[in-house]
């Protein structure tokens, strides 16, 4: 399979890093947030983190 090189590879790396960072932030929050754990639903902050993660995921898909 062909691997991207140069600027394309660098852009994929940045996109993948952003995706991983946003997902990790969402997971860390939901594990630490008493409201998220107690209620079993996302609080307002978790909802925003999920929205940011989904946007990063969509951009990652478009970049490929």
PDB file of N, CA and C in Angstrom:
ATOM      1  N   UNK A   1       0.835  -1.179   0.000  1.00  0.00           N
ATOM      2  CA  UNK A   1       0.000   0.000   0.000  1.00  0.00           C
ATOM      3  C   UNK A   1       0.879   1.242   0.000  1.00  0.00           C
ATOM      4  N   UNK A   2       0.468   2.233  -0.734  1.00  0.00           N
ATOM      5  CA  UNK A   2       1.214   3.480  -0.869  1.00  0.00           C
ATOM      6  C   UNK A   2       1.079   4.326   0.390  1.00  0.00           C
ATOM      7  N   UNK A   3       2.220   4.800   0.901  1.00  0.00           N
ATOM      8  CA  UNK A   3       2.210   5.689   2.069  1.00  0.00           C
ATOM      9  C   UNK A   3       2.467   7.108   1.584  1.00  0.00           C
ATOM     10  N   UNK A   4       1.725   8.102   2.122  1.00  0.00           N
ATOM     11  CA  UNK A   4       1.965   9.483   1.728  1.00  0.00           C
ATOM     12  C   UNK A   4       3.337   9.946   2.204  1.00  0.00           C
ATOM     13  N   UNK A   5       3.911  10.880   1.467  1.00  0.00           N
ATOM     14  CA  UNK A   5       5.237  11.385   1.809  1.00  0.00           C
ATOM     15  C   UNK A   5       5.215  12.911   1.835  1.00  0.00           C
ATOM     16  N   UNK A   6       6.232  13.481   2.426  1.00  0.00           N
ATOM     17  CA  UNK A   6       6.399  14.923   2.432  1.00  0.00           C
ATOM     18  C   UNK A   6       5.311  15.653   3.186  1.00  0.00           C
ATOM     19  N   UNK A   7       4.779  16.692   2.535  1.00  0.00           N
ATOM     20  CA  UNK A   7       3.760  17.530   3.177  1.00  0.00           C
ATOM     21  C   UNK A   7       2.482  16.761   3.473  1.00  0.00           C
ATOM     22  N   UNK A   8       2.131  15.842   2.600  1.00  0.00           N
ATOM     23  CA  UNK A   8       0.911  15.053   2.816  1.00  0.00           C
ATOM     24  C   UNK A   8       1.058  14.220   4.084  1.00  0.00           C
ATOM     25  N   UNK A   9       2.195  13.570   4.246  1.00  0.00           N
ATOM     26  CA  UNK A   9       2.444  12.765   5.443  1.00  0.00           C
ATOM     27  C   UNK A   9       2.430  13.638   6.692  1.00  0.00           C
ATOM     28  N   UNK A  10       3.017  14.813   6.592  1.00  0.00           N
ATOM     29  CA  UNK A  10       3.038  15.725   7.734  1.00  0.00           C
ATOM     30  C   UNK A  10       1.618  16.146   8.104  1.00  0.00           C
ATOM     31  N   UNK A  11       0.800  16.438   7.096  1.00  0.00           N
ATOM     32  CA  UNK A  11      -0.586  16.839   7.369  1.00  0.00           C
ATOM     33  C   UNK A  11      -1.361  15.692   8.012  1.00  0.00           C
ATOM     34  N   UNK A  12      -1.145  14.465   7.530  1.00  0.00           N
ATOM     35  CA  UNK A  12      -1.805  13.309   8.141  1.00  0.00           C
ATOM     36  C   UNK A  12      -1.379  13.167   9.597  1.00  0.00           C
ATOM     37  N   UNK A  13      -0.103  13.398   9.873  1.00  0.00           N
ATOM     38  CA  UNK A  13       0.395  13.309  11.242  1.00  0.00           C
ATOM     39  C   UNK A  13      -0.250  14.333  12.149  1.00  0.00           C
ATOM     40  N   UNK A  14      -0.393  15.556  11.663  1.00  0.00           N
ATOM     41  CA  UNK A  14      -1.028  16.619  12.445  1.00  0.00           C
ATOM     42  C   UNK A  14      -2.499  16.288  12.668  1.00  0.00           C
ATOM     43  N   UNK A  15      -3.163  15.828  11.633  1.00  0.00           N
ATOM     44  CA  UNK A  15      -4.578  15.473  11.743  1.00  0.00           C
ATOM     45  C   UNK A  15      -4.776  14.331  12.727  1.00  0.00           C
ATOM     46  N   UNK A  16      -3.939  13.297  12.636  1.00  0.00           N
ATOM     47  CA  UNK A  16      -4.035  12.164  13.560  1.00  0.00           C
ATOM     48  C   UNK A  16      -3.763  12.602  14.999  1.00  0.00           C
ATOM     49  N   UNK A  17      -2.794  13.479  15.185  1.00  0.00           N
ATOM     50  CA  UNK A  17      -2.477  13.968  16.534  1.00  0.00           C
ATOM     51  C   UNK A  17      -3.645  14.770  17.103  1.00  0.00           C
ATOM     52  N   UNK A  18      -4.268  15.590  16.281  1.00  0.00           N
ATOM     53  CA  UNK A  18      -5.420  16.373  16.740  1.00  0.00           C
ATOM     54  C   UNK A  18      -6.567  15.450  17.123  1.00  0.00           C
ATOM     55  N   UNK A  19      -6.777  14.428  16.335  1.00  0.00           N
ATOM     56  CA  UNK A  19      -7.844  13.471  16.620  1.00  0.00           C
ATOM     57  C   UNK A  19      -7.581  12.757  17.947  1.00  0.00           C
ATOM     58  N   UNK A  20      -6.363  12.306  18.147  1.00  0.00           N
ATOM     59  CA  UNK A  20      -6.006  11.613  19.384  1.00  0.00           C
ATOM     60  C   UNK A  20      -6.112  12.538  20.591  1.00  0.00           C
ATOM     61  N   UNK A  21      -5.685  13.776  20.431  1.00  0.00           N
ATOM     62  CA  UNK A  21      -5.726  14.751  21.526  1.00  0.00           C
ATOM     63  C   UNK A  21      -7.158  15.056  21.942  1.00  0.00           C
ATOM     64  N   UNK A  22      -8.035  15.274  20.961  1.00  0.00           N
ATOM     65  CA  UNK A  22      -9.420  15.603  21.299  1.00  0.00           C
ATOM     66  C   UNK A  22     -10.134  14.414  21.922  1.00  0.00           C
ATOM     67  N   UNK A  23      -9.863  13.212  21.436  1.00  0.00           N
ATOM     68  CA  UNK A  23     -10.495  12.021  22.011  1.00  0.00           C
ATOM     69  C   UNK A  23     -10.010  11.811  23.452  1.00  0.00           C
ATOM     70  N   UNK A  24      -8.711  11.962  23.668  1.00  0.00           N
ATOM     71  CA  UNK A  24      -8.146  11.785  25.008  1.00  0.00           C
ATOM     72  C   UNK A  24      -8.731  12.803  25.986  1.00  0.00           C
ATOM     73  N   UNK A  25      -8.925  14.043  25.529  1.00  0.00           N
ATOM     74  CA  UNK A  25      -9.509  15.077  26.401  1.00  0.00           C
ATOM     75  C   UNK A  25     -10.931  14.703  26.797  1.00  0.00           C
ATOM     76  N   UNK A  26     -11.702  14.195  25.851  1.00  0.00           N
ATOM     77  CA  UNK A  26     -13.071  13.775  26.147  1.00  0.00           C
ATOM     78  C   UNK A  26     -13.072  12.632  27.159  1.00  0.00           C
ATOM     79  N   UNK A  27     -12.253  11.627  26.937  1.00  0.00           N
ATOM     80  CA  UNK A  27     -12.201  10.466  27.834  1.00  0.00           C
ATOM     81  C   UNK A  27     -11.727  10.876  29.227  1.00  0.00           C
ATOM     82  N   UNK A  28     -10.656  11.666  29.303  1.00  0.00           N
ATOM     83  CA  UNK A  28     -10.165  12.126  30.610  1.00  0.00           C
ATOM     84  C   UNK A  28     -11.254  12.865  31.369  1.00  0.00           C
ATOM     85  N   UNK A  29     -11.972  13.740  30.667  1.00  0.00           N
ATOM     86  CA  UNK A  29     -13.022  14.513  31.328  1.00  0.00           C
ATOM     87  C   UNK A  29     -14.114  13.591  31.873  1.00  0.00           C
ATOM     88  N   UNK A  30     -14.613  12.696  31.036  1.00  0.00           N
ATOM     89  CA  UNK A  30     -15.728  11.857  31.477  1.00  0.00           C
ATOM     90  C   UNK A  30     -15.327  10.917  32.606  1.00  0.00           C
ATOM     91  N   UNK A  31     -14.061  10.551  32.695  1.00  0.00           N
ATOM     92  CA  UNK A  31     -13.599   9.707  33.790  1.00  0.00           C
ATOM     93  C   UNK A  31     -13.456  10.497  35.086  1.00  0.00           C
ATOM     94  N   UNK A  32     -13.140  11.778  34.976  1.00  0.00           N
ATOM     95  CA  UNK A  32     -12.897  12.592  36.166  1.00  0.00           C
ATOM     96  C   UNK A  32     -14.125  13.381  36.631  1.00  0.00           C
ATOM     97  N   UNK A  33     -15.078  13.590  35.759  1.00  0.00           N
ATOM     98  CA  UNK A  33     -16.222  14.447  36.068  1.00  0.00           C
ATOM     99  C   UNK A  33     -17.283  13.676  36.861  1.00  0.00           C
ATOM    100  N   UNK A  34     -17.554  14.145  38.060  1.00  0.00           N
ATOM    101  CA  UNK A  34     -18.548  13.488  38.910  1.00  0.00           C
ATOM    102  C   UNK A  34     -19.932  13.527  38.267  1.00  0.00           C
ATOM    103  N   UNK A  35     -20.269  14.629  37.637  1.00  0.00           N
ATOM    104  CA  UNK A  35     -21.588  14.751  36.999  1.00  0.00           C
ATOM    105  C   UNK A  35     -21.753  13.726  35.872  1.00  0.00           C
ATOM    106  N   UNK A  36     -20.719  13.550  35.055  1.00  0.00           N
ATOM    107  CA  UNK A  36     -20.777  12.577  33.953  1.00  0.00           C
ATOM    108  C   UNK A  36     -20.893  11.150  34.493  1.00  0.00           C
ATOM    109  N   UNK A  37     -20.104  10.833  35.519  1.00  0.00           N
ATOM    110  CA  UNK A  37     -20.117   9.480  36.083  1.00  0.00           C
ATOM    111  C   UNK A  37     -21.410   9.189  36.830  1.00  0.00           C
ATOM    112  N   UNK A  38     -21.872  10.138  37.608  1.00  0.00           N
ATOM    113  CA  UNK A  38     -23.064   9.931  38.422  1.00  0.00           C
ATOM    114  C   UNK A  38     -24.315   9.815  37.552  1.00  0.00           C
ATOM    115  N   UNK A  39     -24.455  10.715  36.586  1.00  0.00           N
ATOM    116  CA  UNK A  39     -25.659  10.746  35.772  1.00  0.00           C
ATOM    117  C   UNK A  39     -25.650   9.774  34.606  1.00  0.00           C
ATOM    118  N   UNK A  40     -24.481   9.288  34.229  1.00  0.00           N
ATOM    119  CA  UNK A  40     -24.396   8.396  33.086  1.00  0.00           C
ATOM    120  C   UNK A  40     -24.594   9.114  31.756  1.00  0.00           C
ATOM    121  N   UNK A  41     -24.651  10.446  31.802  1.00  0.00           N
ATOM    122  CA  UNK A  41     -24.809  11.258  30.596  1.00  0.00           C
ATOM    123  C   UNK A  41     -23.730  12.333  30.606  1.00  0.00           C
ATOM    124  N   UNK A  42     -23.470  12.891  29.430  1.00  0.00           N
ATOM    125  CA  UNK A  42     -22.464  13.944  29.319  1.00  0.00           C
ATOM    126  C   UNK A  42     -22.960  15.241  29.931  1.00  0.00           C
ATOM    127  N   UNK A  43     -22.074  15.916  30.672  1.00  0.00           N
ATOM    128  CA  UNK A  43     -22.362  17.265  31.136  1.00  0.00           C
ATOM    129  C   UNK A  43     -22.114  18.225  29.961  1.00  0.00           C
ATOM    130  N   UNK A  44     -22.313  19.510  30.180  1.00  0.00           N
ATOM    131  CA  UNK A  44     -22.127  20.500  29.113  1.00  0.00           C
ATOM    132  C   UNK A  44     -20.691  20.495  28.592  1.00  0.00           C
ATOM    133  N   UNK A  45     -19.716  20.394  29.499  1.00  0.00           N
ATOM    134  CA  UNK A  45     -18.310  20.372  29.071  1.00  0.00           C
ATOM    135  C   UNK A  45     -18.012  19.131  28.239  1.00  0.00           C
ATOM    136  N   UNK A  46     -18.519  17.982  28.658  1.00  0.00           N
ATOM    137  CA  UNK A  46     -18.294  16.745  27.920  1.00  0.00           C
ATOM    138  C   UNK A  46     -18.954  16.806  26.547  1.00  0.00           C
ATOM    139  N   UNK A  47     -20.119  17.415  26.495  1.00  0.00           N
ATOM    140  CA  UNK A  47     -20.807  17.551  25.204  1.00  0.00           C
ATOM    141  C   UNK A  47     -19.979  18.385  24.233  1.00  0.00           C
ATOM    142  N   UNK A  48     -19.379  19.454  24.742  1.00  0.00           N
ATOM    143  CA  UNK A  48     -18.523  20.288  23.894  1.00  0.00           C
ATOM    144  C   UNK A  48     -17.276  19.523  23.461  1.00  0.00           C
ATOM    145  N   UNK A  49     -16.663  18.787  24.389  1.00  0.00           N
ATOM    146  CA  UNK A  49     -15.485  17.985  24.031  1.00  0.00           C
ATOM    147  C   UNK A  49     -15.841  16.924  22.992  1.00  0.00           C
ATOM    148  N   UNK A  50     -17.015  16.322  23.110  1.00  0.00           N
ATOM    149  CA  UNK A  50     -17.455  15.336  22.125  1.00  0.00           C
ATOM    150  C   UNK A  50     -17.654  16.000  20.760  1.00  0.00           C
ATOM    151  N   UNK A  51     -18.233  17.204  20.750  1.00  0.00           N
ATOM    152  CA  UNK A  51     -18.443  17.931  19.493  1.00  0.00           C
ATOM    153  C   UNK A  51     -17.102  18.227  18.815  1.00  0.00           C
ATOM    154  N   UNK A  52     -16.124  18.669  19.601  1.00  0.00           N
ATOM    155  CA  UNK A  52     -14.798  18.973  19.061  1.00  0.00           C
ATOM    156  C   UNK A  52     -14.142  17.699  18.523  1.00  0.00           C
ATOM    157  N   UNK A  53     -14.278  16.600  19.254  1.00  0.00           N
ATOM    158  CA  UNK A  53     -13.728  15.317  18.792  1.00  0.00           C
ATOM    159  C   UNK A  53     -14.363  14.898  17.469  1.00  0.00           C
ATOM    160  N   UNK A  54     -15.674  14.988  17.379  1.00  0.00           N
ATOM    161  CA  UNK A  54     -16.359  14.589  16.142  1.00  0.00           C
ATOM    162  C   UNK A  54     -15.941  15.460  14.959  1.00  0.00           C
ATOM    163  N   UNK A  55     -15.738  16.752  15.207  1.00  0.00           N
ATOM    164  CA  UNK A  55     -15.274  17.642  14.142  1.00  0.00           C
ATOM    165  C   UNK A  55     -13.873  17.239  13.686  1.00  0.00           C
ATOM    166  N   UNK A  56     -12.994  16.913  14.640  1.00  0.00           N
ATOM    167  CA  UNK A  56     -11.641  16.470  14.296  1.00  0.00           C
ATOM    168  C   UNK A  56     -11.691  15.142  13.522  1.00  0.00           C
ATOM    169  N   UNK A  57     -12.580  14.263  13.924  1.00  0.00           N
ATOM    170  CA  UNK A  57     -12.734  12.973  13.246  1.00  0.00           C
ATOM    171  C   UNK A  57     -13.205  13.185  11.805  1.00  0.00           C
ATOM    172  N   UNK A  58     -14.143  14.097  11.631  1.00  0.00           N
ATOM    173  CA  UNK A  58     -14.645  14.398  10.285  1.00  0.00           C
ATOM    174  C   UNK A  58     -13.528  14.979   9.412  1.00  0.00           C
ATOM    175  N   UNK A  59     -12.743  15.922   9.965  1.00  0.00           N
ATOM    176  CA  UNK A  59     -11.629  16.504   9.216  1.00  0.00           C
ATOM    177  C   UNK A  59     -10.595  15.442   8.860  1.00  0.00           C
ATOM    178  N   UNK A  60     -10.348  14.520   9.770  1.00  0.00           N
ATOM    179  CA  UNK A  60      -9.383  13.445   9.503  1.00  0.00           C
ATOM    180  C   UNK A  60      -9.868  12.576   8.341  1.00  0.00           C
ATOM    181  N   UNK A  61     -11.147  12.293   8.306  1.00  0.00           N
ATOM    182  CA  UNK A  61     -11.712  11.518   7.210  1.00  0.00           C
ATOM    183  C   UNK A  61     -11.622  12.248   5.881  1.00  0.00           C
ATOM    184  N   UNK A  62     -11.824  13.551   5.901  1.00  0.00           N
ATOM    185  CA  UNK A  62     -11.743  14.364   4.687  1.00  0.00           C
ATOM    186  C   UNK A  62     -10.317  14.474   4.187  1.00  0.00           C
ATOM    187  N   UNK A  63      -9.352  14.415   5.079  1.00  0.00           N
ATOM    188  CA  UNK A  63      -7.941  14.560   4.707  1.00  0.00           C
ATOM    189  C   UNK A  63      -7.404  13.313   4.021  1.00  0.00           C
ATOM    190  N   UNK A  64      -8.074  12.234   4.147  1.00  0.00           N
ATOM    191  CA  UNK A  64      -7.584  10.974   3.578  1.00  0.00           C
ATOM    192  C   UNK A  64      -8.054  10.760   2.193  1.00  0.00           C
TER     193      UNK A  64
END
